[in-house]
Amino acid sequence: MQEKLASAIRTVPDFPKPGIQFKDITPLLADPSLLRHAVNLLADEWKDQGITKVLAIESRGFILGAMLADELDAGFVPVRKEGKLPFTTIKESYDLEYGKDTIEMHIDALSASDRVLIHDDVIATGGTAAATHRLTEFAGASVAGFSFLIELSFLNGRDQLPTGTPLHSLLSY
């Protein structure tokens, strides 16, 4: 089944810019049995870990993140680009290859009693996931770990995340 998951990920050369080999998850999303299988595999890693909230990163992370939250019987918290959330937010900036970006979440999304799983579809350089971790800590919640459908291991994104925090990805390139 792992091979089926991998074969459902389409590589799109030179998107969004030359030299990038974009990992497109839409074929996986279109196959209901593969989609359910992927969510079950992601959830299996975190069952019985006391997860109370799944923080999912905009935008593809929302798709599996919401399903993962449902599977774990946890709340769902969207982490979005600056200016996209309607209520009072807390924000965190992070470095990009050329410049900075900022993510936000609602100020009341987490409490000190929350045990959080941070999810995104792909971990590349790790900047967004690390910024989401900092938002979680600022809100007073604890991070149980990180969940990704795909890890682009050659970009060393793990190195940006706190040492010792569990990370699980289904596929690695």
Protein backbone atom coordinates (compact mmCIF):
# COMPACT_ATOMS: atom_id res chain seq x y z
CA MET A 1 0.00 0.00 0.00
CA GLN A 2 2.97 2.32 0.65
CA GLU A 3 3.91 1.98 -3.03
CA LYS A 4 0.36 2.93 -4.02
CA LEU A 5 0.58 6.04 -1.86
CA ALA A 6 3.91 6.99 -3.41
CA SER A 7 2.64 6.38 -6.94
CA ALA A 8 -0.30 8.72 -6.27
CA ILE A 9 2.07 11.64 -5.68
CA ARG A 10 2.73 13.42 -8.96
CA THR A 11 6.01 15.27 -9.49
CA VAL A 12 5.56 18.50 -11.45
CA PRO A 13 8.87 19.84 -12.75
CA ASP A 14 9.68 23.55 -12.56
CA PHE A 15 6.68 24.51 -10.42
CA PRO A 16 6.24 27.10 -9.01
CA LYS A 17 9.62 28.16 -10.40
CA PRO A 18 12.44 26.60 -12.43
CA GLY A 19 14.39 23.91 -10.60
CA ILE A 20 11.61 22.97 -8.16
CA GLN A 21 10.24 19.42 -8.36
CA PHE A 22 6.78 20.04 -6.84
CA LYS A 23 5.11 17.10 -5.11
CA ASP A 24 1.43 17.30 -6.12
CA ILE A 25 -0.90 15.41 -3.76
CA THR A 26 -4.11 15.98 -5.75
CA PRO A 27 -4.10 12.48 -7.35
CA LEU A 28 -3.97 11.00 -3.83
CA LEU A 29 -6.82 13.27 -2.72
CA ALA A 30 -8.93 12.09 -5.67
CA ASP A 31 -8.73 8.44 -4.63
CA PRO A 32 -11.02 7.92 -1.60
CA SER A 33 -9.49 4.61 -0.50
CA LEU A 34 -5.92 5.94 -0.70
CA LEU A 35 -6.92 9.15 1.04
CA ARG A 36 -8.55 7.25 3.90
CA HIS A 37 -5.55 4.92 4.11
CA ALA A 38 -3.14 7.87 4.31
CA VAL A 39 -5.18 9.49 7.09
CA ASN A 40 -5.36 6.20 9.01
CA LEU A 41 -1.59 5.73 8.75
CA LEU A 42 -0.97 9.29 9.93
CA ALA A 43 -3.41 8.89 12.84
CA ASP A 44 -2.05 5.49 13.90
CA GLU A 45 1.23 7.12 14.88
CA TRP A 46 -0.53 9.50 17.32
CA LYS A 47 -3.40 7.47 18.78
CA ASP A 48 -3.21 7.23 22.56
CA GLN A 49 -0.89 10.27 22.68
CA GLY A 50 -3.51 12.53 24.23
CA ILE A 51 -3.72 14.87 21.24
CA THR A 52 -6.36 17.55 21.91
CA LYS A 53 -5.74 19.79 18.86
CA VAL A 54 -4.32 19.36 15.38
CA LEU A 55 -2.73 22.54 14.07
CA ALA A 56 -2.69 22.39 10.28
CA ILE A 57 -0.71 24.72 8.09
CA GLU A 58 -2.23 26.57 5.14
CA SER A 59 -3.41 25.41 2.76
CA ARG A 60 -2.88 21.82 1.67
CA GLY A 61 -2.23 20.91 5.29
CA PHE A 62 -5.88 21.74 6.04
CA ILE A 63 -7.16 18.85 3.94
CA LEU A 64 -5.49 15.96 5.73
CA GLY A 65 -5.20 17.95 8.96
CA ALA A 66 -8.97 18.22 9.38
CA MET A 67 -9.39 14.53 8.63
CA LEU A 68 -6.57 13.70 11.03
CA ALA A 69 -8.20 15.77 13.78
CA ASP A 70 -11.45 13.90 13.25
CA GLU A 71 -9.67 10.54 13.37
CA LEU A 72 -7.92 11.52 16.61
CA ASP A 73 -11.09 12.99 18.13
CA ALA A 74 -9.25 16.30 18.47
CA GLY A 75 -10.04 19.89 17.63
CA PHE A 76 -8.77 21.46 14.43
CA VAL A 77 -6.85 24.77 14.38
CA PRO A 78 -5.95 26.47 11.09
CA VAL A 79 -2.59 28.22 10.87
CA ARG A 80 -2.75 30.77 8.06
CA LYS A 81 -0.76 33.41 6.26
CA GLU A 82 -0.94 36.87 7.81
CA GLY A 83 -4.24 38.69 7.36
CA LYS A 84 -6.40 35.66 6.48
CA LEU A 85 -8.04 34.95 9.86
CA PRO A 86 -11.08 36.99 10.98
CA PHE A 87 -10.46 37.26 14.74
CA THR A 88 -7.62 38.57 16.92
CA THR A 89 -4.45 36.61 16.16
CA ILE A 90 -0.96 35.89 17.37
CA LYS A 91 1.72 35.78 14.69
CA GLU A 92 5.16 34.43 14.04
CA SER A 93 7.58 35.31 11.24
CA TYR A 94 10.13 33.03 9.66
CA ASP A 95 12.84 33.33 7.04
CA LEU A 96 12.41 32.32 3.45
CA GLU A 97 15.18 31.87 0.91
CA TYR A 98 14.65 35.51 -0.11
CA GLY A 99 12.80 37.43 2.58
CA LYS A 100 10.36 36.66 5.37
CA ASP A 101 6.83 35.35 5.75
CA THR A 102 4.38 35.43 8.64
CA ILE A 103 1.79 32.95 9.89
CA GLU A 104 -1.03 33.49 12.37
CA MET A 105 -3.56 31.64 14.46
CA HIS A 106 -6.43 32.89 16.59
CA ILE A 107 -5.36 34.08 20.00
CA ASP A 108 -7.94 31.82 21.70
CA ALA A 109 -7.20 28.68 19.62
CA LEU A 110 -5.14 26.94 22.31
CA SER A 111 -4.96 26.70 26.07
CA ALA A 112 -2.25 25.51 28.44
CA SER A 113 -3.98 22.14 28.74
CA ASP A 114 -3.77 21.43 25.00
CA ARG A 115 -1.45 18.75 23.61
CA VAL A 116 -0.88 19.67 19.97
CA LEU A 117 0.00 17.78 16.81
CA ILE A 118 1.37 20.06 14.07
CA HIS A 119 0.47 18.81 10.58
CA ASP A 120 1.29 19.84 7.02
CA ASP A 121 1.26 18.00 3.72
CA VAL A 122 5.00 18.48 3.13
CA ILE A 123 8.04 19.40 5.20
CA ALA A 124 10.65 21.02 3.01
CA THR A 125 13.01 23.50 4.71
CA GLY A 126 11.08 23.36 8.00
CA GLY A 127 10.56 27.11 8.45
CA THR A 128 6.77 27.07 8.56
CA ALA A 129 6.62 24.07 10.89
CA ALA A 130 9.19 25.65 13.23
CA ALA A 131 7.22 28.92 13.28
CA THR A 132 4.03 26.97 14.07
CA HIS A 133 5.86 25.29 16.95
CA ARG A 134 6.83 28.73 18.30
CA LEU A 135 3.21 29.93 18.02
CA THR A 136 2.09 26.87 19.99
CA GLU A 137 4.60 27.51 22.75
CA PHE A 138 3.67 31.19 22.89
CA ALA A 139 0.04 30.16 23.37
CA GLY A 140 1.13 27.99 26.32
CA ALA A 141 0.26 24.60 24.82
CA SER A 142 2.62 21.64 24.47
CA VAL A 143 3.67 20.06 21.18
CA ALA A 144 3.35 16.28 21.02
CA GLY A 145 4.95 16.09 17.58
CA PHE A 146 4.92 16.81 13.88
CA SER A 147 3.00 14.96 11.18
CA PHE A 148 3.66 15.17 7.44
CA LEU A 149 2.45 13.23 4.44
CA ILE A 150 5.76 13.91 2.64
CA GLU A 151 9.25 14.77 3.83
CA LEU A 152 11.72 16.24 1.36
CA SER A 153 14.65 14.89 3.35
CA PHE A 154 17.33 16.37 1.08
CA LEU A 155 16.27 19.86 2.29
CA ASN A 156 16.97 18.94 5.95
CA GLY A 157 13.78 20.52 7.32
CA ARG A 158 14.01 18.35 10.44
CA ASP A 159 17.06 20.35 11.46
CA GLN A 160 14.88 23.45 11.96
CA LEU A 161 12.59 21.68 14.43
CA PRO A 162 13.22 21.21 18.15
CA THR A 163 15.48 18.26 18.89
CA GLY A 164 13.68 15.38 20.53
CA THR A 165 10.19 16.33 19.29
CA PRO A 166 8.74 13.32 17.44
CA LEU A 167 8.24 13.66 13.69
CA HIS A 168 6.37 11.21 11.50
CA SER A 169 6.09 11.32 7.72
CA LEU A 170 4.56 8.69 5.47
CA LEU A 171 6.75 9.28 2.41
CA SER A 172 10.27 10.58 2.05
CA TYR A 173 12.03 11.94 -1.03
